[in-house]
């Protein structure tokens, strides 16, 4: 292991380890992308577009597939959206009250979600 892991941005811990495509801090449990500065630099360099991140810090793009990580209540429906529901082909929008994902969910139809309640699949 030649390269050292960057310190955790939450607690400045130095014991981060790789888990799949994420870096995980065992001290505070914070999960993040291995190179957030490169990902945000590439996004912000393109005509100043807004960078939208999911609940764990992954950068989201149009057409991605995400998973709902928290049960959501839906107005007018007896049952809400369950945690673990996969949503395919999302579209990033400037929505109302922080709802920045436009999508279609089976059984519910078109709706908008907040990026803080989804995780990139």
PDB file of N, CA and C in Angstrom:
ATOM      1  N   UNK A   1       0.852  -1.169   0.000  1.00  0.00           N
ATOM      2  CA  UNK A   1       0.000   0.000   0.000  1.00  0.00           C
ATOM      3  C   UNK A   1       0.896   1.230   0.000  1.00  0.00           C
ATOM      4  N   UNK A   2       1.106   1.813  -1.158  1.00  0.00           N
ATOM      5  CA  UNK A   2       2.048   2.910  -1.308  1.00  0.00           C
ATOM      6  C   UNK A   2       1.468   4.262  -0.936  1.00  0.00           C
ATOM      7  N   UNK A   3       0.226   4.498  -1.239  1.00  0.00           N
ATOM      8  CA  UNK A   3      -0.349   5.809  -0.991  1.00  0.00           C
ATOM      9  C   UNK A   3      -1.060   5.846   0.363  1.00  0.00           C
ATOM     10  N   UNK A   4      -0.971   6.998   1.017  1.00  0.00           N
ATOM     11  CA  UNK A   4      -1.646   7.162   2.297  1.00  0.00           C
ATOM     12  C   UNK A   4      -3.030   7.730   2.053  1.00  0.00           C
ATOM     13  N   UNK A   5      -3.955   7.337   2.872  1.00  0.00           N
ATOM     14  CA  UNK A   5      -5.336   7.795   2.740  1.00  0.00           C
ATOM     15  C   UNK A   5      -5.450   9.212   3.303  1.00  0.00           C
ATOM     16  N   UNK A   6      -6.264  10.069   2.665  1.00  0.00           N
ATOM     17  CA  UNK A   6      -6.452  11.416   3.205  1.00  0.00           C
ATOM     18  C   UNK A   6      -7.227  11.341   4.524  1.00  0.00           C
ATOM     19  N   UNK A   7      -7.004  12.306   5.415  1.00  0.00           N
ATOM     20  CA  UNK A   7      -7.722  12.272   6.692  1.00  0.00           C
ATOM     21  C   UNK A   7      -9.220  12.495   6.496  1.00  0.00           C
ATOM     22  N   UNK A   8      -9.994  11.999   7.438  1.00  0.00           N
ATOM     23  CA  UNK A   8     -11.448  12.133   7.390  1.00  0.00           C
ATOM     24  C   UNK A   8     -11.837  13.604   7.511  1.00  0.00           C
ATOM     25  N   UNK A   9     -12.725  14.115   6.635  1.00  0.00           N
ATOM     26  CA  UNK A   9     -13.132  15.513   6.737  1.00  0.00           C
ATOM     27  C   UNK A   9     -14.031  15.793   7.947  1.00  0.00           C
ATOM     28  N   UNK A  10     -14.630  14.764   8.529  1.00  0.00           N
ATOM     29  CA  UNK A  10     -15.518  14.941   9.674  1.00  0.00           C
ATOM     30  C   UNK A  10     -14.754  15.013  10.994  1.00  0.00           C
ATOM     31  N   UNK A  11     -13.853  14.036  11.230  1.00  0.00           N
ATOM     32  CA  UNK A  11     -13.186  13.961  12.528  1.00  0.00           C
ATOM     33  C   UNK A  11     -11.663  14.042  12.423  1.00  0.00           C
ATOM     34  N   UNK A  12     -11.127  14.186  11.221  1.00  0.00           N
ATOM     35  CA  UNK A  12      -9.680  14.249  10.951  1.00  0.00           C
ATOM     36  C   UNK A  12      -8.962  12.964  11.332  1.00  0.00           C
ATOM     37  N   UNK A  13      -9.680  11.861  11.384  1.00  0.00           N
ATOM     38  CA  UNK A  13      -9.076  10.572  11.681  1.00  0.00           C
ATOM     39  C   UNK A  13      -8.186  10.106  10.538  1.00  0.00           C
ATOM     40  N   UNK A  14      -7.144   9.358  10.875  1.00  0.00           N
ATOM     41  CA  UNK A  14      -6.172   8.927   9.863  1.00  0.00           C
ATOM     42  C   UNK A  14      -6.274   7.439   9.532  1.00  0.00           C
ATOM     43  N   UNK A  15      -7.276   6.746  10.036  1.00  0.00           N
ATOM     44  CA  UNK A  15      -7.377   5.308   9.848  1.00  0.00           C
ATOM     45  C   UNK A  15      -8.420   4.909   8.801  1.00  0.00           C
ATOM     46  N   UNK A  16      -8.629   5.724   7.782  1.00  0.00           N
ATOM     47  CA  UNK A  16      -9.620   5.428   6.751  1.00  0.00           C
ATOM     48  C   UNK A  16      -9.207   4.183   5.967  1.00  0.00           C
ATOM     49  N   UNK A  17     -10.191   3.446   5.492  1.00  0.00           N
ATOM     50  CA  UNK A  17      -9.936   2.279   4.663  1.00  0.00           C
ATOM     51  C   UNK A  17     -10.907   2.270   3.497  1.00  0.00           C
ATOM     52  N   UNK A  18     -10.534   1.542   2.431  1.00  0.00           N
ATOM     53  CA  UNK A  18     -11.375   1.460   1.241  1.00  0.00           C
ATOM     54  C   UNK A  18     -12.401   0.358   1.400  1.00  0.00           C
ATOM     55  N   UNK A  19     -13.647   0.665   1.008  1.00  0.00           N
ATOM     56  CA  UNK A  19     -14.708  -0.329   0.984  1.00  0.00           C
ATOM     57  C   UNK A  19     -15.452  -0.118  -0.334  1.00  0.00           C
ATOM     58  N   UNK A  20     -15.116  -0.934  -1.320  1.00  0.00           N
ATOM     59  CA  UNK A  20     -15.692  -0.739  -2.643  1.00  0.00           C
ATOM     60  C   UNK A  20     -15.155   0.546  -3.235  1.00  0.00           C
ATOM     61  N   UNK A  21     -16.063   1.450  -3.627  1.00  0.00           N
ATOM     62  CA  UNK A  21     -15.660   2.722  -4.225  1.00  0.00           C
ATOM     63  C   UNK A  21     -15.608   3.845  -3.200  1.00  0.00           C
ATOM     64  N   UNK A  22     -15.728   3.532  -1.917  1.00  0.00           N
ATOM     65  CA  UNK A  22     -15.781   4.563  -0.878  1.00  0.00           C
ATOM     66  C   UNK A  22     -14.603   4.443   0.072  1.00  0.00           C
ATOM     67  N   UNK A  23     -14.287   5.554   0.731  1.00  0.00           N
ATOM     68  CA  UNK A  23     -13.367   5.547   1.853  1.00  0.00           C
ATOM     69  C   UNK A  23     -14.215   5.652   3.117  1.00  0.00           C
ATOM     70  N   UNK A  24     -13.935   4.812   4.106  1.00  0.00           N
ATOM     71  CA  UNK A  24     -14.726   4.760   5.333  1.00  0.00           C
ATOM     72  C   UNK A  24     -13.820   5.067   6.516  1.00  0.00           C
ATOM     73  N   UNK A  25     -14.294   5.930   7.405  1.00  0.00           N
ATOM     74  CA  UNK A  25     -13.565   6.259   8.633  1.00  0.00           C
ATOM     75  C   UNK A  25     -14.113   5.381   9.758  1.00  0.00           C
ATOM     76  N   UNK A  26     -13.282   4.517  10.356  1.00  0.00           N
ATOM     77  CA  UNK A  26     -13.777   3.655  11.434  1.00  0.00           C
ATOM     78  C   UNK A  26     -14.030   4.414  12.738  1.00  0.00           C
ATOM     79  N   UNK A  27     -13.481   5.605  12.871  1.00  0.00           N
ATOM     80  CA  UNK A  27     -13.648   6.363  14.107  1.00  0.00           C
ATOM     81  C   UNK A  27     -15.023   7.019  14.209  1.00  0.00           C
ATOM     82  N   UNK A  28     -15.507   7.605  13.081  1.00  0.00           N
ATOM     83  CA  UNK A  28     -16.805   8.285  13.131  1.00  0.00           C
ATOM     84  C   UNK A  28     -17.838   7.650  12.197  1.00  0.00           C
ATOM     85  N   UNK A  29     -17.415   6.724  11.318  1.00  0.00           N
ATOM     86  CA  UNK A  29     -18.348   6.052  10.419  1.00  0.00           C
ATOM     87  C   UNK A  29     -18.655   6.828   9.155  1.00  0.00           C
ATOM     88  N   UNK A  30     -17.959   7.929   8.899  1.00  0.00           N
ATOM     89  CA  UNK A  30     -18.210   8.765   7.709  1.00  0.00           C
ATOM     90  C   UNK A  30     -17.740   8.038   6.451  1.00  0.00           C
ATOM     91  N   UNK A  31     -18.601   8.002   5.436  1.00  0.00           N
ATOM     92  CA  UNK A  31     -18.257   7.407   4.146  1.00  0.00           C
ATOM     93  C   UNK A  31     -18.123   8.524   3.125  1.00  0.00           C
ATOM     94  N   UNK A  32     -17.116   8.436   2.251  1.00  0.00           N
ATOM     95  CA  UNK A  32     -16.912   9.467   1.242  1.00  0.00           C
ATOM     96  C   UNK A  32     -16.237   8.885   0.013  1.00  0.00           C
ATOM     97  N   UNK A  33     -16.294   9.617  -1.077  1.00  0.00           N
ATOM     98  CA  UNK A  33     -15.609   9.224  -2.300  1.00  0.00           C
ATOM     99  C   UNK A  33     -14.114   9.413  -2.113  1.00  0.00           C
ATOM    100  N   UNK A  34     -13.301   8.593  -2.779  1.00  0.00           N
ATOM    101  CA  UNK A  34     -11.856   8.684  -2.570  1.00  0.00           C
ATOM    102  C   UNK A  34     -11.251  10.014  -2.994  1.00  0.00           C
ATOM    103  N   UNK A  35     -11.803  10.667  -4.026  1.00  0.00           N
ATOM    104  CA  UNK A  35     -11.232  11.927  -4.502  1.00  0.00           C
ATOM    105  C   UNK A  35     -12.336  12.961  -4.688  1.00  0.00           C
ATOM    106  N   UNK A  36     -12.923  13.471  -3.616  1.00  0.00           N
ATOM    107  CA  UNK A  36     -14.017  14.423  -3.778  1.00  0.00           C
ATOM    108  C   UNK A  36     -13.571  15.719  -4.438  1.00  0.00           C
ATOM    109  N   UNK A  37     -12.319  16.122  -4.268  1.00  0.00           N
ATOM    110  CA  UNK A  37     -11.851  17.363  -4.882  1.00  0.00           C
ATOM    111  C   UNK A  37     -11.804  17.240  -6.400  1.00  0.00           C
ATOM    112  N   UNK A  38     -11.410  16.063  -6.921  1.00  0.00           N
ATOM    113  CA  UNK A  38     -11.387  15.861  -8.369  1.00  0.00           C
ATOM    114  C   UNK A  38     -12.790  15.822  -8.939  1.00  0.00           C
ATOM    115  N   UNK A  39     -13.713  15.165  -8.257  1.00  0.00           N
ATOM    116  CA  UNK A  39     -15.086  15.060  -8.756  1.00  0.00           C
ATOM    117  C   UNK A  39     -15.760  16.419  -8.765  1.00  0.00           C
ATOM    118  N   UNK A  40     -15.593  17.195  -7.711  1.00  0.00           N
ATOM    119  CA  UNK A  40     -16.242  18.497  -7.678  1.00  0.00           C
ATOM    120  C   UNK A  40     -15.541  19.488  -8.598  1.00  0.00           C
ATOM    121  N   UNK A  41     -14.242  19.362  -8.815  1.00  0.00           N
ATOM    122  CA  UNK A  41     -13.531  20.256  -9.718  1.00  0.00           C
ATOM    123  C   UNK A  41     -13.982  20.031 -11.147  1.00  0.00           C
ATOM    124  N   UNK A  42     -14.211  18.779 -11.525  1.00  0.00           N
ATOM    125  CA  UNK A  42     -14.679  18.476 -12.874  1.00  0.00           C
ATOM    126  C   UNK A  42     -16.078  18.991 -13.102  1.00  0.00           C
ATOM    127  N   UNK A  43     -16.920  18.915 -12.092  1.00  0.00           N
ATOM    128  CA  UNK A  43     -18.293  19.387 -12.234  1.00  0.00           C
ATOM    129  C   UNK A  43     -18.366  20.902 -12.260  1.00  0.00           C
ATOM    130  N   UNK A  44     -17.657  21.548 -11.338  1.00  0.00           N
ATOM    131  CA  UNK A  44     -17.762  22.998 -11.249  1.00  0.00           C
ATOM    132  C   UNK A  44     -17.080  23.680 -12.419  1.00  0.00           C
ATOM    133  N   UNK A  45     -16.137  23.022 -13.071  1.00  0.00           N
ATOM    134  CA  UNK A  45     -15.455  23.607 -14.208  1.00  0.00           C
ATOM    135  C   UNK A  45     -16.323  23.681 -15.443  1.00  0.00           C
ATOM    136  N   UNK A  46     -17.355  22.887 -15.518  1.00  0.00           N
ATOM    137  CA  UNK A  46     -18.236  22.859 -16.679  1.00  0.00           C
ATOM    138  C   UNK A  46     -19.362  23.868 -16.513  1.00  0.00           C
ATOM    139  N   UNK A  47     -19.181  25.048 -16.992  1.00  0.00           N
ATOM    140  CA  UNK A  47     -20.181  26.120 -17.032  1.00  0.00           C
ATOM    141  C   UNK A  47     -20.847  26.385 -15.667  1.00  0.00           C
ATOM    142  N   UNK A  48     -20.156  26.104 -14.575  1.00  0.00           N
ATOM    143  CA  UNK A  48     -20.656  26.443 -13.244  1.00  0.00           C
ATOM    144  C   UNK A  48     -21.903  25.686 -12.829  1.00  0.00           C
ATOM    145  N   UNK A  49     -22.066  24.454 -13.259  1.00  0.00           N
ATOM    146  CA  UNK A  49     -23.246  23.677 -12.891  1.00  0.00           C
ATOM    147  C   UNK A  49     -23.220  23.314 -11.417  1.00  0.00           C
ATOM    148  N   UNK A  50     -24.396  23.150 -10.840  1.00  0.00           N
ATOM    149  CA  UNK A  50     -24.544  22.772  -9.446  1.00  0.00           C
ATOM    150  C   UNK A  50     -24.216  21.286  -9.290  1.00  0.00           C
ATOM    151  N   UNK A  51     -23.441  20.940  -8.279  1.00  0.00           N
ATOM    152  CA  UNK A  51     -23.084  19.560  -8.001  1.00  0.00           C
ATOM    153  C   UNK A  51     -24.093  19.006  -7.005  1.00  0.00           C
ATOM    154  N   UNK A  52     -24.737  17.892  -7.353  1.00  0.00           N
ATOM    155  CA  UNK A  52     -25.721  17.251  -6.478  1.00  0.00           C
ATOM    156  C   UNK A  52     -25.111  15.958  -5.969  1.00  0.00           C
ATOM    157  N   UNK A  53     -25.100  15.794  -4.635  1.00  0.00           N
ATOM    158  CA  UNK A  53     -24.533  14.593  -4.024  1.00  0.00           C
ATOM    159  C   UNK A  53     -25.607  13.831  -3.271  1.00  0.00           C
ATOM    160  N   UNK A  54     -25.420  12.501  -3.191  1.00  0.00           N
ATOM    161  CA  UNK A  54     -26.378  11.673  -2.469  1.00  0.00           C
ATOM    162  C   UNK A  54     -26.069  11.703  -0.971  1.00  0.00           C
ATOM    163  N   UNK A  55     -26.729  10.844  -0.207  1.00  0.00           N
ATOM    164  CA  UNK A  55     -26.614  10.851   1.251  1.00  0.00           C
ATOM    165  C   UNK A  55     -25.206  10.523   1.742  1.00  0.00           C
ATOM    166  N   UNK A  56     -24.413   9.781   0.971  1.00  0.00           N
ATOM    167  CA  UNK A  56     -23.064   9.413   1.396  1.00  0.00           C
ATOM    168  C   UNK A  56     -21.986  10.210   0.689  1.00  0.00           C
ATOM    169  N   UNK A  57     -22.370  11.164  -0.148  1.00  0.00           N
ATOM    170  CA  UNK A  57     -21.390  12.037  -0.774  1.00  0.00           C
ATOM    171  C   UNK A  57     -21.009  11.714  -2.204  1.00  0.00           C
ATOM    172  N   UNK A  58     -21.640  10.730  -2.819  1.00  0.00           N
ATOM    173  CA  UNK A  58     -21.355  10.425  -4.219  1.00  0.00           C
ATOM    174  C   UNK A  58     -22.013  11.461  -5.120  1.00  0.00           C
ATOM    175  N   UNK A  59     -21.327  11.872  -6.169  1.00  0.00           N
ATOM    176  CA  UNK A  59     -21.877  12.848  -7.109  1.00  0.00           C
ATOM    177  C   UNK A  59     -22.907  12.157  -7.998  1.00  0.00           C
ATOM    178  N   UNK A  60     -24.084  12.747  -8.098  1.00  0.00           N
ATOM    179  CA  UNK A  60     -25.152  12.193  -8.928  1.00  0.00           C
ATOM    180  C   UNK A  60     -25.176  12.885 -10.283  1.00  0.00           C
ATOM    181  N   UNK A  61     -25.573  12.130 -11.318  1.00  0.00           N
ATOM    182  CA  UNK A  61     -25.699  12.657 -12.672  1.00  0.00           C
ATOM    183  C   UNK A  61     -27.029  12.196 -13.263  1.00  0.00           C
ATOM    184  N   UNK A  62     -27.460  12.870 -14.327  1.00  0.00           N
ATOM    185  CA  UNK A  62     -28.677  12.456 -15.023  1.00  0.00           C
ATOM    186  C   UNK A  62     -28.518  11.020 -15.517  1.00  0.00           C
ATOM    187  N   UNK A  63     -29.568  10.215 -15.356  1.00  0.00           N
ATOM    188  CA  UNK A  63     -29.561   8.842 -15.834  1.00  0.00           C
ATOM    189  C   UNK A  63     -29.064   7.820 -14.831  1.00  0.00           C
ATOM    190  N   UNK A  64     -28.582   8.247 -13.671  1.00  0.00           N
ATOM    191  CA  UNK A  64     -28.095   7.311 -12.654  1.00  0.00           C
ATOM    192  C   UNK A  64     -29.243   6.507 -12.057  1.00  0.00           C
ATOM    193  N   UNK A  65     -28.882   5.396 -11.435  1.00  0.00           N
ATOM    194  CA  UNK A  65     -29.826   4.591 -10.669  1.00  0.00           C
ATOM    195  C   UNK A  65     -29.505   4.794  -9.197  1.00  0.00           C
ATOM    196  N   UNK A  66     -30.526   5.080  -8.395  1.00  0.00           N
ATOM    197  CA  UNK A  66     -30.335   5.313  -6.967  1.00  0.00           C
ATOM    198  C   UNK A  66     -31.254   4.403  -6.166  1.00  0.00           C
ATOM    199  N   UNK A  67     -30.937   4.247  -4.886  1.00  0.00           N
ATOM    200  CA  UNK A  67     -31.741   3.462  -3.963  1.00  0.00           C
ATOM    201  C   UNK A  67     -32.208   4.372  -2.834  1.00  0.00           C
ATOM    202  N   UNK A  68     -33.493   4.300  -2.501  1.00  0.00           N
ATOM    203  CA  UNK A  68     -34.048   5.081  -1.395  1.00  0.00           C
ATOM    204  C   UNK A  68     -33.552   4.457  -0.095  1.00  0.00           C
ATOM    205  N   UNK A  69     -32.966   5.267   0.799  1.00  0.00           N
ATOM    206  CA  UNK A  69     -32.374   4.715   2.024  1.00  0.00           C
ATOM    207  C   UNK A  69     -33.257   4.902   3.246  1.00  0.00           C
ATOM    208  N   UNK A  70     -34.382   5.585   3.075  1.00  0.00           N
ATOM    209  CA  UNK A  70     -35.250   5.901   4.209  1.00  0.00           C
ATOM    210  C   UNK A  70     -36.694   5.760   3.749  1.00  0.00           C
ATOM    211  N   UNK A  71     -37.550   5.162   4.559  1.00  0.00           N
ATOM    212  CA  UNK A  71     -38.964   5.045   4.215  1.00  0.00           C
ATOM    213  C   UNK A  71     -39.573   6.439   4.102  1.00  0.00           C
ATOM    214  N   UNK A  72     -40.320   6.678   3.022  1.00  0.00           N
ATOM    215  CA  UNK A  72     -40.896   7.997   2.769  1.00  0.00           C
ATOM    216  C   UNK A  72     -42.413   7.919   2.730  1.00  0.00           C
ATOM    217  N   UNK A  73     -43.067   8.879   3.357  1.00  0.00           N
ATOM    218  CA  UNK A  73     -44.519   8.970   3.289  1.00  0.00           C
ATOM    219  C   UNK A  73     -44.890   9.689   1.998  1.00  0.00           C
ATOM    220  N   UNK A  74     -45.955   9.216   1.352  1.00  0.00           N
ATOM    221  CA  UNK A  74     -46.431   9.840   0.122  1.00  0.00           C
ATOM    222  C   UNK A  74     -47.858  10.296   0.355  1.00  0.00           C
ATOM    223  N   UNK A  75     -48.086  11.574   0.136  1.00  0.00           N
ATOM    224  CA  UNK A  75     -49.410  12.149   0.356  1.00  0.00           C
ATOM    225  C   UNK A  75     -50.418  11.477  -0.584  1.00  0.00           C
ATOM    226  N   UNK A  76     -51.538  11.029  -0.045  1.00  0.00           N
ATOM    227  CA  UNK A  76     -52.581  10.402  -0.836  1.00  0.00           C
ATOM    228  C   UNK A  76     -52.393   8.919  -1.064  1.00  0.00           C
ATOM    229  N   UNK A  77     -51.388   8.328  -0.449  1.00  0.00           N
ATOM    230  CA  UNK A  77     -51.139   6.897  -0.609  1.00  0.00           C
ATOM    231  C   UNK A  77     -51.146   6.232   0.761  1.00  0.00           C
ATOM    232  N   UNK A  78     -51.834   5.091   0.890  1.00  0.00           N
ATOM    233  CA  UNK A  78     -51.870   4.422   2.195  1.00  0.00           C
ATOM    234  C   UNK A  78     -50.505   3.870   2.604  1.00  0.00           C
ATOM    235  N   UNK A  79     -49.699   3.477   1.632  1.00  0.00           N
ATOM    236  CA  UNK A  79     -48.350   3.007   1.939  1.00  0.00           C
ATOM    237  C   UNK A  79     -47.358   3.904   1.218  1.00  0.00           C
ATOM    238  N   UNK A  80     -46.271   4.228   1.875  1.00  0.00           N
ATOM    239  CA  UNK A  80     -45.269   5.105   1.278  1.00  0.00           C
ATOM    240  C   UNK A  80     -44.255   4.326   0.479  1.00  0.00           C
ATOM    241  N   UNK A  81     -43.154   4.974   0.200  1.00  0.00           N
ATOM    242  CA  UNK A  81     -42.048   4.341  -0.518  1.00  0.00           C
ATOM    243  C   UNK A  81     -41.162   3.682   0.520  1.00  0.00           C
ATOM    244  N   UNK A  82     -40.903   2.394   0.346  1.00  0.00           N
ATOM    245  CA  UNK A  82     -40.112   1.642   1.308  1.00  0.00           C
ATOM    246  C   UNK A  82     -38.621   1.878   1.085  1.00  0.00           C
ATOM    247  N   UNK A  83     -37.863   1.776   2.159  1.00  0.00           N
ATOM    248  CA  UNK A  83     -36.408   1.863   2.061  1.00  0.00           C
ATOM    249  C   UNK A  83     -35.918   0.687   1.218  1.00  0.00           C
ATOM    250  N   UNK A  84     -34.972   0.937   0.345  1.00  0.00           N
ATOM    251  CA  UNK A  84     -34.448  -0.108  -0.540  1.00  0.00           C
ATOM    252  C   UNK A  84     -35.064  -0.091  -1.929  1.00  0.00           C
ATOM    253  N   UNK A  85     -36.033   0.795  -2.169  1.00  0.00           N
ATOM    254  CA  UNK A  85     -36.660   0.892  -3.487  1.00  0.00           C
ATOM    255  C   UNK A  85     -35.660   1.479  -4.471  1.00  0.00           C
ATOM    256  N   UNK A  86     -35.465   0.800  -5.610  1.00  0.00           N
ATOM    257  CA  UNK A  86     -34.548   1.299  -6.636  1.00  0.00           C
ATOM    258  C   UNK A  86     -35.290   2.228  -7.574  1.00  0.00           C
ATOM    259  N   UNK A  87     -34.629   3.328  -7.906  1.00  0.00           N
ATOM    260  CA  UNK A  87     -35.176   4.316  -8.830  1.00  0.00           C
ATOM    261  C   UNK A  87     -34.188   4.441  -9.982  1.00  0.00           C
ATOM    262  N   UNK A  88     -34.650   4.160 -11.190  1.00  0.00           N
ATOM    263  CA  UNK A  88     -33.779   4.189 -12.361  1.00  0.00           C
ATOM    264  C   UNK A  88     -33.973   5.475 -13.158  1.00  0.00           C
ATOM    265  N   UNK A  89     -32.921   5.861 -13.852  1.00  0.00           N
ATOM    266  CA  UNK A  89     -32.965   6.964 -14.808  1.00  0.00           C
ATOM    267  C   UNK A  89     -33.450   8.269 -14.179  1.00  0.00           C
ATOM    268  N   UNK A  90     -32.711   8.747 -13.181  1.00  0.00           N
ATOM    269  CA  UNK A  90     -33.092   9.995 -12.517  1.00  0.00           C
ATOM    270  C   UNK A  90     -32.714  11.195 -13.378  1.00  0.00           C
ATOM    271  N   UNK A  91     -33.351  12.324 -13.109  1.00  0.00           N
ATOM    272  CA  UNK A  91     -33.029  13.571 -13.784  1.00  0.00           C
ATOM    273  C   UNK A  91     -32.832  14.632 -12.708  1.00  0.00           C
ATOM    274  N   UNK A  92     -31.715  15.348 -12.756  1.00  0.00           N
ATOM    275  CA  UNK A  92     -31.426  16.386 -11.771  1.00  0.00           C
ATOM    276  C   UNK A  92     -32.086  17.689 -12.194  1.00  0.00           C
ATOM    277  N   UNK A  93     -32.809  18.299 -11.256  1.00  0.00           N
ATOM    278  CA  UNK A  93     -33.547  19.530 -11.536  1.00  0.00           C
ATOM    279  C   UNK A  93     -33.355  20.511 -10.372  1.00  0.00           C
ATOM    280  N   UNK A  94     -33.727  21.767 -10.604  1.00  0.00           N
ATOM    281  CA  UNK A  94     -33.798  22.747  -9.518  1.00  0.00           C
ATOM    282  C   UNK A  94     -35.228  22.748  -9.021  1.00  0.00           C
ATOM    283  N   UNK A  95     -35.508  21.916  -8.030  1.00  0.00           N
ATOM    284  CA  UNK A  95     -36.869  21.761  -7.537  1.00  0.00           C
ATOM    285  C   UNK A  95     -37.178  22.689  -6.390  1.00  0.00           C
ATOM    286  N   UNK A  96     -38.341  22.513  -5.816  1.00  0.00           N
ATOM    287  CA  UNK A  96     -38.824  23.321  -4.706  1.00  0.00           C
ATOM    288  C   UNK A  96     -38.442  22.642  -3.390  1.00  0.00           C
ATOM    289  N   UNK A  97     -38.029  23.413  -2.398  1.00  0.00           N
ATOM    290  CA  UNK A  97     -37.697  22.926  -1.051  1.00  0.00           C
ATOM    291  C   UNK A  97     -36.632  21.835  -1.038  1.00  0.00           C
ATOM    292  N   UNK A  98     -35.635  21.924  -1.893  1.00  0.00           N
ATOM    293  CA  UNK A  98     -34.540  20.964  -1.888  1.00  0.00           C
ATOM    294  C   UNK A  98     -34.806  19.673  -2.630  1.00  0.00           C
ATOM    295  N   UNK A  99     -35.938  19.548  -3.283  1.00  0.00           N
ATOM    296  CA  UNK A  99     -36.230  18.358  -4.079  1.00  0.00           C
ATOM    297  C   UNK A  99     -35.505  18.522  -5.405  1.00  0.00           C
ATOM    298  N   UNK A 100     -34.334  17.885  -5.527  1.00  0.00           N
ATOM    299  CA  UNK A 100     -33.507  18.103  -6.705  1.00  0.00           C
ATOM    300  C   UNK A 100     -33.396  16.898  -7.632  1.00  0.00           C
ATOM    301  N   UNK A 101     -34.190  15.859  -7.409  1.00  0.00           N
ATOM    302  CA  UNK A 101     -34.214  14.683  -8.288  1.00  0.00           C
ATOM    303  C   UNK A 101     -35.629  14.497  -8.811  1.00  0.00           C
ATOM    304  N   UNK A 102     -35.762  14.435 -10.120  1.00  0.00           N
ATOM    305  CA  UNK A 102     -37.044  14.164 -10.767  1.00  0.00           C
ATOM    306  C   UNK A 102     -36.973  12.722 -11.259  1.00  0.00           C
ATOM    307  N   UNK A 103     -37.976  11.903 -10.929  1.00  0.00           N
ATOM    308  CA  UNK A 103     -37.908  10.489 -11.277  1.00  0.00           C
ATOM    309  C   UNK A 103     -39.308   9.887 -11.415  1.00  0.00           C
ATOM    310  N   UNK A 104     -39.338   8.641 -11.835  1.00  0.00           N
ATOM    311  CA  UNK A 104     -40.573   7.875 -11.912  1.00  0.00           C
ATOM    312  C   UNK A 104     -40.379   6.619 -11.065  1.00  0.00           C
ATOM    313  N   UNK A 105     -41.300   6.409 -10.119  1.00  0.00           N
ATOM    314  CA  UNK A 105     -41.231   5.251  -9.229  1.00  0.00           C
ATOM    315  C   UNK A 105     -42.398   4.345  -9.532  1.00  0.00           C
ATOM    316  N   UNK A 106     -42.109   3.055  -9.742  1.00  0.00           N
ATOM    317  CA  UNK A 106     -43.151   2.068 -10.039  1.00  0.00           C
ATOM    318  C   UNK A 106     -44.203   2.071  -8.942  1.00  0.00           C
ATOM    319  N   UNK A 107     -45.457   2.167  -9.330  1.00  0.00           N
ATOM    320  CA  UNK A 107     -46.560   2.147  -8.387  1.00  0.00           C
ATOM    321  C   UNK A 107     -46.946   3.512  -7.842  1.00  0.00           C
ATOM    322  N   UNK A 108     -46.094   4.520  -8.066  1.00  0.00           N
ATOM    323  CA  UNK A 108     -46.372   5.863  -7.559  1.00  0.00           C
ATOM    324  C   UNK A 108     -46.420   6.900  -8.676  1.00  0.00           C
ATOM    325  N   UNK A 109     -45.663   6.691  -9.750  1.00  0.00           N
ATOM    326  CA  UNK A 109     -45.639   7.643 -10.851  1.00  0.00           C
ATOM    327  C   UNK A 109     -44.496   8.630 -10.733  1.00  0.00           C
ATOM    328  N   UNK A 110     -44.642   9.765 -11.414  1.00  0.00           N
ATOM    329  CA  UNK A 110     -43.600  10.790 -11.416  1.00  0.00           C
ATOM    330  C   UNK A 110     -43.611  11.554 -10.099  1.00  0.00           C
ATOM    331  N   UNK A 111     -42.418  11.814  -9.571  1.00  0.00           N
ATOM    332  CA  UNK A 111     -42.298  12.596  -8.343  1.00  0.00           C
ATOM    333  C   UNK A 111     -40.895  13.146  -8.216  1.00  0.00           C
ATOM    334  N   UNK A 112     -40.716  14.029  -7.252  1.00  0.00           N
ATOM    335  CA  UNK A 112     -39.414  14.605  -6.968  1.00  0.00           C
ATOM    336  C   UNK A 112     -38.947  14.132  -5.598  1.00  0.00           C
ATOM    337  N   UNK A 113     -37.632  13.873  -5.504  1.00  0.00           N
ATOM    338  CA  UNK A 113     -37.031  13.409  -4.256  1.00  0.00           C
ATOM    339  C   UNK A 113     -35.899  14.340  -3.866  1.00  0.00           C
ATOM    340  N   UNK A 114     -35.549  14.328  -2.590  1.00  0.00           N
ATOM    341  CA  UNK A 114     -34.380  15.050  -2.117  1.00  0.00           C
ATOM    342  C   UNK A 114     -33.161  14.129  -2.246  1.00  0.00           C
ATOM    343  N   UNK A 115     -32.036  14.698  -2.597  1.00  0.00           N
ATOM    344  CA  UNK A 115     -30.835  13.889  -2.774  1.00  0.00           C
ATOM    345  C   UNK A 115     -30.337  13.304  -1.441  1.00  0.00           C
ATOM    346  N   UNK A 116     -30.754  13.855  -0.326  1.00  0.00           N
ATOM    347  CA  UNK A 116     -30.323  13.359   0.979  1.00  0.00           C
ATOM    348  C   UNK A 116     -30.983  12.062   1.410  1.00  0.00           C
ATOM    349  N   UNK A 117     -31.985  11.586   0.690  1.00  0.00           N
ATOM    350  CA  UNK A 117     -32.666  10.347   1.069  1.00  0.00           C
ATOM    351  C   UNK A 117     -32.388   9.220   0.071  1.00  0.00           C
ATOM    352  N   UNK A 118     -31.398   9.409  -0.805  1.00  0.00           N
ATOM    353  CA  UNK A 118     -31.045   8.372  -1.777  1.00  0.00           C
ATOM    354  C   UNK A 118     -29.555   8.083  -1.726  1.00  0.00           C
ATOM    355  N   UNK A 119     -29.191   6.900  -2.212  1.00  0.00           N
ATOM    356  CA  UNK A 119     -27.790   6.494  -2.309  1.00  0.00           C
ATOM    357  C   UNK A 119     -27.581   5.949  -3.703  1.00  0.00           C
ATOM    358  N   UNK A 120     -26.491   6.322  -4.340  1.00  0.00           N
ATOM    359  CA  UNK A 120     -26.193   5.870  -5.689  1.00  0.00           C
ATOM    360  C   UNK A 120     -26.011   4.357  -5.685  1.00  0.00           C
ATOM    361  N   UNK A 121     -26.684   3.692  -6.626  1.00  0.00           N
ATOM    362  CA  UNK A 121     -26.625   2.221  -6.683  1.00  0.00           C
ATOM    363  C   UNK A 121     -25.464   1.743  -7.526  1.00  0.00           C
TER     364      UNK A 121
END
